[in-house]
Amino acid sequence: MLEAGADDAGQRLDQWLAAKLGPSISRSRVQALIKQGAVLVGGKPAGEAKRKLVAGDVVSVALPEPEPAEPKGEDIALDVLYEDDELIVINKPAGLVVHPGAGNWTGTLVNALIHHCGDSLSGIGGVRRPGIVHRLDKETSGVMVVAKTDRAHKALSEAFADHGRTGDLQRAYLALVWGIPHRPSGTVDAPLGRAADRVRRAVVPEGRDDARHAITHFTVIERFGEGQRDFTTASLLECRLETGRTHQIRVHMAHIGHPVIGDPDYGQAFRTKANRLPPALRSEVSTFSRQALHAYLLEFRHPATHLTMRFEAPMPRDMEELVGGFRNL
């Protein structure tokens, strides 16, 4: 518990508190604690980091218990499509976080892999993401490859960084989206950067500091409700990545007016479209708890044998049932 003196009056709370707590707690960490409600002034949450102190303010900080420095193995079932001494290919279910992070220190794919692979898992990617060379969003299902040796990690990381331009890497997704694109196929070439909340992404001007080149190719596989004016239309698309930015397909599809059905971040404006669906399908859409996006195909060159390897995973049952509902329109 700390008390602000007369000389402290008028100082920003975060600056003052960071100075008082010493070098072990950074100012950004102090700001995060204030945002989380862990900093009290006069027994009440401080509110804002820029709050100005008043002489006599009593400030208390509730520091959370430190998180473990390294993730531990956990006995979590894995759907293994292929495994050898160099790598492992899995079909990730929706709802599984890839690597530990804020709010998800356990129960992740990394925890499952450490338990499954033991000491063979490559640590070159860092202690919290050993062997991880690419990732899928928590609520996106599908094929992933993980390196088990430094050689595999280096080769696969280079392939993903190159986005397959000079190699054999291919990644393709199935996406159930609102509406029907005007063309049977197309390309979205639009740079992505951080949105206002710093978690989501958005299409941004090319010259912005954080703008990252992003290209998605799409092909319409099926059209649903076409020609039936009473119902909302939808499409099943194949999306192929030429680059691999965070949330790329989700942002690009929303950008062209066809957001992924069930997307909580980029499809909210289209939620009312479900009201024009038949009652059974409307209920199915409203209770679908994730974005209808599945990484069904991954192709890459094996880092040791140099053979081209191709893996496919069928749509998970929840997404297959949702697509089936639209087929009956």
Protein backbone atom coordinates (compact mmCIF):
# COMPACT_ATOMS: atom_id res chain seq x y z
CA MET A 1 0.00 0.00 0.00
CA LEU A 2 1.40 3.40 -1.06
CA GLU A 3 0.40 6.96 -0.25
CA ALA A 4 0.88 9.97 -2.52
CA GLY A 5 2.58 12.92 -0.89
CA ALA A 6 2.30 16.63 -1.64
CA ASP A 7 5.15 16.42 -4.17
CA ASP A 8 3.32 13.63 -6.02
CA ALA A 9 0.15 15.62 -6.65
CA GLY A 10 -0.63 16.05 -10.35
CA GLN A 11 1.49 13.11 -11.52
CA ARG A 12 -0.01 10.42 -13.75
CA LEU A 13 -0.91 7.35 -11.74
CA ASP A 14 0.88 4.89 -14.08
CA GLN A 15 4.12 6.89 -14.13
CA TRP A 16 4.16 7.36 -10.38
CA LEU A 17 3.31 3.74 -9.63
CA ALA A 18 5.92 2.37 -12.06
CA ALA A 19 8.58 4.50 -10.34
CA LYS A 20 7.46 3.33 -6.90
CA LEU A 21 7.38 -0.36 -7.79
CA GLY A 22 10.86 -0.33 -9.29
CA PRO A 23 12.39 -1.91 -12.39
CA SER A 24 10.74 -5.31 -11.90
CA ILE A 25 7.36 -3.87 -12.99
CA SER A 26 7.29 -1.93 -16.26
CA ARG A 27 4.99 0.99 -16.96
CA SER A 28 3.10 -1.06 -19.57
CA ARG A 29 2.59 -3.77 -16.95
CA VAL A 30 1.27 -1.15 -14.53
CA GLN A 31 -1.15 0.08 -17.21
CA ALA A 32 -2.36 -3.48 -17.76
CA LEU A 33 -2.92 -3.93 -14.02
CA ILE A 34 -4.91 -0.70 -13.89
CA LYS A 35 -7.04 -1.85 -16.83
CA GLN A 36 -7.67 -5.19 -15.09
CA GLY A 37 -8.89 -3.42 -11.96
CA ALA A 38 -5.94 -4.61 -9.88
CA VAL A 39 -4.97 -1.05 -8.84
CA LEU A 40 -7.14 0.65 -6.23
CA VAL A 41 -7.11 4.30 -5.20
CA GLY A 42 -8.88 4.91 -1.93
CA GLY A 43 -10.22 1.36 -2.05
CA LYS A 44 -11.84 1.78 -5.47
CA PRO A 45 -10.60 0.76 -8.94
CA ALA A 46 -8.30 3.44 -10.33
CA GLY A 47 -10.11 3.59 -13.66
CA GLU A 48 -7.56 5.20 -15.97
CA ALA A 49 -3.78 5.07 -16.16
CA LYS A 50 -3.65 8.81 -16.89
CA ARG A 51 -5.51 9.65 -13.69
CA LYS A 52 -3.82 12.50 -11.81
CA LEU A 53 -2.82 11.89 -8.22
CA VAL A 54 -4.03 13.97 -5.31
CA ALA A 55 -1.98 14.37 -2.13
CA GLY A 56 -3.11 11.75 0.36
CA ASP A 57 -4.30 9.22 -2.24
CA VAL A 58 -3.80 5.71 -0.90
CA VAL A 59 -2.91 3.31 -3.71
CA SER A 60 -2.87 -0.48 -3.45
CA VAL A 61 -1.88 -3.05 -6.06
CA ALA A 62 -2.97 -6.69 -6.21
CA LEU A 63 -0.20 -8.47 -8.14
CA PRO A 64 -1.40 -11.80 -9.62
CA GLU A 65 0.49 -14.98 -8.95
CA PRO A 66 3.32 -15.44 -11.49
CA GLU A 67 2.53 -17.81 -14.35
CA PRO A 68 4.79 -20.82 -14.95
CA ALA A 69 7.75 -19.93 -17.15
CA GLU A 70 7.33 -23.04 -19.31
CA PRO A 71 4.19 -24.91 -20.33
CA LYS A 72 3.75 -28.41 -18.94
CA GLY A 73 2.61 -31.50 -20.77
CA GLU A 74 -1.08 -32.37 -20.42
CA ASP A 75 -2.88 -35.52 -21.49
CA ILE A 76 -5.12 -33.95 -24.13
CA ALA A 77 -6.31 -36.14 -27.00
CA LEU A 78 -4.84 -35.36 -30.42
CA ASP A 79 -6.18 -36.33 -33.84
CA VAL A 80 -2.85 -37.31 -35.42
CA LEU A 81 -2.88 -37.51 -39.22
CA TYR A 82 0.83 -38.35 -39.57
CA GLU A 83 3.95 -38.53 -37.41
CA ASP A 84 7.62 -39.37 -37.87
CA ASP A 85 10.89 -38.39 -36.19
CA GLU A 86 10.88 -34.94 -37.82
CA LEU A 87 7.32 -33.69 -37.56
CA ILE A 88 3.73 -34.34 -36.57
CA VAL A 89 0.58 -33.39 -38.49
CA ILE A 90 -2.65 -33.01 -36.54
CA ASN A 91 -6.26 -32.13 -37.21
CA LYS A 92 -6.91 -29.36 -34.68
CA PRO A 93 -10.46 -29.17 -33.32
CA ALA A 94 -12.27 -25.87 -32.95
CA GLY A 95 -11.94 -24.45 -29.44
CA LEU A 96 -8.33 -25.51 -28.90
CA VAL A 97 -5.83 -22.66 -28.44
CA VAL A 98 -2.52 -23.33 -30.20
CA HIS A 99 0.01 -21.96 -27.69
CA PRO A 100 -0.14 -20.59 -24.14
CA GLY A 101 -0.82 -16.89 -23.65
CA ALA A 102 -2.76 -14.46 -21.51
CA GLY A 103 -5.82 -16.23 -20.15
CA ASN A 104 -4.83 -19.57 -21.72
CA TRP A 105 -1.81 -20.89 -19.87
CA THR A 106 -3.04 -24.49 -19.87
CA GLY A 107 -5.18 -26.72 -22.05
CA THR A 108 -3.47 -25.67 -25.28
CA LEU A 109 -2.17 -27.61 -28.27
CA VAL A 110 1.38 -27.00 -27.01
CA ASN A 111 0.51 -28.64 -23.67
CA ALA A 112 -0.90 -31.63 -25.57
CA LEU A 113 2.15 -31.84 -27.84
CA ILE A 114 4.62 -31.72 -24.95
CA HIS A 115 2.82 -34.67 -23.37
CA HIS A 116 2.59 -36.57 -26.66
CA CYS A 117 6.07 -35.89 -28.05
CA GLY A 118 8.12 -35.55 -24.88
CA ASP A 119 11.74 -34.45 -25.34
CA SER A 120 11.55 -34.80 -29.12
CA LEU A 121 9.59 -31.55 -29.51
CA SER A 122 11.68 -28.74 -30.96
CA GLY A 123 12.26 -25.78 -28.67
CA ILE A 124 13.63 -23.48 -31.32
CA GLY A 125 10.36 -21.55 -31.49
CA GLY A 126 10.57 -20.47 -27.83
CA VAL A 127 9.52 -22.11 -24.60
CA ARG A 128 5.85 -21.20 -24.98
CA ARG A 129 5.54 -22.28 -28.61
CA PRO A 130 7.93 -25.20 -29.12
CA GLY A 131 7.76 -26.62 -32.62
CA ILE A 132 5.03 -24.24 -33.76
CA VAL A 133 5.67 -22.96 -37.30
CA HIS A 134 2.14 -21.67 -38.03
CA ARG A 135 -1.13 -21.51 -36.18
CA LEU A 136 -4.88 -21.54 -36.53
CA ASP A 137 -7.27 -19.30 -34.58
CA LYS A 138 -8.79 -20.92 -31.51
CA GLU A 139 -12.18 -21.43 -33.17
CA THR A 140 -10.81 -22.49 -36.57
CA SER A 141 -10.40 -26.22 -37.10
CA GLY A 142 -8.13 -28.11 -39.45
CA VAL A 143 -4.71 -29.36 -40.47
CA MET A 144 -1.53 -28.16 -38.76
CA VAL A 145 2.07 -29.33 -38.94
CA VAL A 146 4.44 -29.09 -35.96
CA ALA A 147 8.22 -29.55 -36.04
CA LYS A 148 9.90 -32.09 -33.77
CA THR A 149 13.52 -31.26 -34.66
CA ASP A 150 15.50 -28.09 -35.25
CA ARG A 151 16.03 -29.10 -38.89
CA ALA A 152 12.29 -29.48 -39.45
CA HIS A 153 11.56 -26.26 -37.59
CA LYS A 154 13.97 -24.26 -39.73
CA ALA A 155 12.77 -25.70 -43.05
CA LEU A 156 9.07 -25.41 -42.27
CA SER A 157 9.41 -21.92 -40.79
CA GLU A 158 11.15 -20.77 -43.96
CA ALA A 159 8.42 -22.32 -46.12
CA PHE A 160 5.65 -20.58 -44.19
CA ALA A 161 7.54 -17.28 -44.14
CA ASP A 162 7.94 -17.55 -47.92
CA HIS A 163 4.21 -18.36 -48.23
CA GLY A 164 5.03 -21.11 -50.71
CA ARG A 165 6.26 -18.75 -53.43
CA THR A 166 9.43 -20.76 -54.06
CA GLY A 167 8.39 -24.12 -52.61
CA ASP A 168 5.57 -26.60 -52.41
CA LEU A 169 3.57 -25.07 -49.57
CA GLN A 170 -0.18 -24.90 -50.11
CA ARG A 171 -2.90 -24.02 -47.61
CA ALA A 172 -6.60 -24.13 -48.37
CA TYR A 173 -9.64 -23.49 -46.21
CA LEU A 174 -13.38 -24.08 -46.47
CA ALA A 175 -15.42 -21.05 -45.44
CA LEU A 176 -19.20 -20.79 -45.19
CA VAL A 177 -19.99 -17.13 -45.85
CA TRP A 178 -23.01 -14.87 -46.10
CA GLY A 179 -24.16 -14.04 -49.63
CA ILE A 180 -22.96 -15.17 -53.05
CA PRO A 181 -19.96 -13.48 -54.70
CA HIS A 182 -20.66 -12.01 -58.14
CA ARG A 183 -17.79 -14.00 -59.67
CA PRO A 184 -17.11 -17.74 -59.38
CA SER A 185 -13.56 -16.96 -58.23
CA GLY A 186 -11.52 -13.95 -57.28
CA THR A 187 -8.60 -12.49 -55.36
CA VAL A 188 -8.63 -10.12 -52.41
CA ASP A 189 -5.42 -8.09 -52.35
CA ALA A 190 -5.74 -5.72 -49.39
CA PRO A 191 -3.16 -4.93 -46.68
CA LEU A 192 -4.01 -5.71 -43.08
CA GLY A 193 -3.13 -3.87 -39.88
CA ARG A 194 -4.35 -3.56 -36.33
CA ALA A 195 -7.87 -2.35 -35.66
CA ALA A 196 -8.68 0.10 -32.88
CA ASP A 197 -8.88 -2.56 -30.15
CA ARG A 198 -5.41 -4.02 -31.05
CA VAL A 199 -6.74 -7.59 -31.03
CA ARG A 200 -8.74 -7.53 -34.23
CA ARG A 201 -7.33 -6.79 -37.67
CA ALA A 202 -8.65 -4.51 -40.43
CA VAL A 203 -7.95 -3.58 -44.03
CA VAL A 204 -5.75 -0.47 -43.80
CA PRO A 205 -4.12 1.99 -46.22
CA GLU A 206 -1.01 0.55 -47.87
CA GLY A 207 1.24 3.30 -46.53
CA ARG A 208 0.36 2.83 -42.87
CA ASP A 209 3.25 1.79 -40.62
CA ASP A 210 1.65 -1.49 -39.57
CA ALA A 211 0.20 -2.40 -42.99
CA ARG A 212 1.10 -5.94 -44.03
CA HIS A 213 0.72 -7.30 -47.55
CA ALA A 214 -2.16 -9.83 -47.65
CA ILE A 215 -3.61 -11.82 -50.55
CA THR A 216 -6.44 -14.38 -50.44
CA HIS A 217 -7.71 -16.32 -53.48
CA PHE A 218 -11.26 -17.69 -53.31
CA THR A 219 -13.41 -20.03 -55.40
CA VAL A 220 -17.15 -20.58 -54.98
CA ILE A 221 -17.81 -24.29 -54.40
CA GLU A 222 -21.54 -24.18 -53.65
CA ARG A 223 -24.28 -21.55 -53.65
CA PHE A 224 -27.22 -21.73 -51.26
CA GLY A 225 -30.62 -20.06 -51.63
CA GLU A 226 -29.77 -18.66 -55.05
CA GLY A 227 -32.91 -17.50 -56.86
CA GLN A 228 -35.10 -17.80 -53.75
CA ARG A 229 -35.96 -14.22 -52.90
CA ASP A 230 -37.56 -15.15 -49.58
CA PHE A 231 -34.34 -16.43 -48.06
CA THR A 232 -30.89 -15.12 -47.20
CA THR A 233 -28.22 -16.52 -49.50
CA ALA A 234 -24.89 -18.10 -48.53
CA SER A 235 -21.90 -19.76 -50.17
CA LEU A 236 -19.30 -22.38 -49.43
CA LEU A 237 -15.91 -21.09 -50.57
CA GLU A 238 -12.46 -22.54 -50.92
CA CYS A 239 -9.94 -19.93 -49.78
CA ARG A 240 -6.25 -20.28 -50.56
CA LEU A 241 -3.66 -18.17 -48.81
CA GLU A 242 -0.88 -16.45 -50.69
CA THR A 243 0.12 -14.74 -47.43
CA GLY A 244 -0.63 -15.78 -43.87
CA ARG A 245 -1.68 -12.81 -41.76
CA THR A 246 -3.63 -12.97 -38.51
CA HIS A 247 -7.37 -13.38 -39.21
CA GLN A 248 -6.62 -12.90 -42.92
CA ILE A 249 -9.50 -14.89 -44.44
CA ARG A 250 -12.00 -13.58 -41.92
CA VAL A 251 -11.06 -9.94 -42.52
CA HIS A 252 -10.82 -10.28 -46.30
CA MET A 253 -14.19 -12.00 -46.62
CA ALA A 254 -15.85 -9.32 -44.48
CA HIS A 255 -14.09 -6.66 -46.57
CA ILE A 256 -15.76 -7.87 -49.78
CA GLY A 257 -19.16 -8.12 -48.10
CA HIS A 258 -19.21 -11.88 -47.45
CA PRO A 259 -18.18 -12.43 -43.81
CA VAL A 260 -17.76 -15.93 -42.46
CA ILE A 261 -20.97 -17.16 -40.84
CA GLY A 262 -20.66 -17.28 -37.06
CA ASP A 263 -17.67 -14.93 -36.95
CA PRO A 264 -18.03 -13.01 -33.67
CA ASP A 265 -15.50 -10.33 -34.61
CA TYR A 266 -16.06 -9.56 -38.29
CA GLY A 267 -19.58 -10.81 -38.99
CA GLN A 268 -21.66 -9.07 -36.34
CA ALA A 269 -23.29 -6.68 -38.82
CA PHE A 270 -24.73 -9.67 -40.70
CA ARG A 271 -26.31 -11.48 -37.74
CA THR A 272 -29.80 -10.26 -38.62
CA LYS A 273 -29.56 -12.08 -41.97
CA ALA A 274 -30.43 -15.26 -40.08
CA ASN A 275 -33.90 -13.81 -39.46
CA ARG A 276 -34.78 -14.49 -43.10
CA LEU A 277 -33.89 -18.18 -42.88
CA PRO A 278 -36.37 -21.01 -42.25
CA PRO A 279 -36.91 -21.51 -38.48
CA ALA A 280 -34.82 -24.70 -38.13
CA LEU A 281 -31.84 -23.26 -40.01
CA ARG A 282 -32.22 -19.91 -38.26
CA SER A 283 -31.90 -21.69 -34.90
CA GLU A 284 -28.89 -23.66 -36.13
CA VAL A 285 -27.11 -20.50 -37.30
CA SER A 286 -27.87 -18.57 -34.11
CA THR A 287 -26.50 -21.37 -31.91
CA PHE A 288 -23.38 -22.01 -34.03
CA SER A 289 -20.73 -20.84 -31.61
CA ARG A 290 -17.75 -20.15 -33.87
CA GLN A 291 -16.69 -18.96 -37.30
CA ALA A 292 -17.49 -21.57 -39.98
CA LEU A 293 -13.89 -21.84 -41.15
CA HIS A 294 -11.90 -25.05 -41.59
CA ALA A 295 -8.31 -25.55 -42.80
CA TYR A 296 -8.98 -28.65 -44.87
CA LEU A 297 -5.74 -28.87 -46.88
CA LEU A 298 -2.03 -28.53 -46.11
CA GLU A 299 0.72 -29.49 -48.56
CA PHE A 300 4.45 -29.05 -47.93
CA ARG A 301 7.87 -30.50 -48.72
CA HIS A 302 9.19 -32.84 -46.04
CA PRO A 303 12.33 -31.27 -44.48
CA ALA A 304 14.28 -34.56 -44.48
CA THR A 305 13.02 -36.64 -47.42
CA HIS A 306 12.12 -33.61 -49.57
CA LEU A 307 9.01 -35.45 -50.74
CA THR A 308 5.81 -33.45 -51.20
CA MET A 309 3.31 -34.35 -48.49
CA ARG A 310 -0.40 -33.57 -48.74
CA PHE A 311 -2.93 -33.83 -45.92
CA GLU A 312 -6.65 -33.23 -45.93
CA ALA A 313 -9.15 -33.18 -43.07
CA PRO A 314 -12.92 -33.39 -43.64
CA MET A 315 -15.16 -30.67 -42.28
CA PRO A 316 -15.94 -31.27 -38.59
CA ARG A 317 -19.46 -32.43 -37.80
CA ASP A 318 -20.77 -29.07 -36.54
CA MET A 319 -19.76 -27.28 -39.74
CA GLU A 320 -20.92 -30.15 -41.96
CA GLU A 321 -24.35 -30.04 -40.33
CA LEU A 322 -24.55 -26.29 -40.78
CA VAL A 323 -23.63 -26.57 -44.47
CA GLY A 324 -26.20 -29.35 -44.79
CA GLY A 325 -28.86 -27.03 -43.43
CA PHE A 326 -28.08 -24.47 -46.12
CA ARG A 327 -28.14 -27.17 -48.82
CA ASN A 328 -31.79 -27.78 -47.95
CA LEU A 329 -32.81 -24.19 -48.73
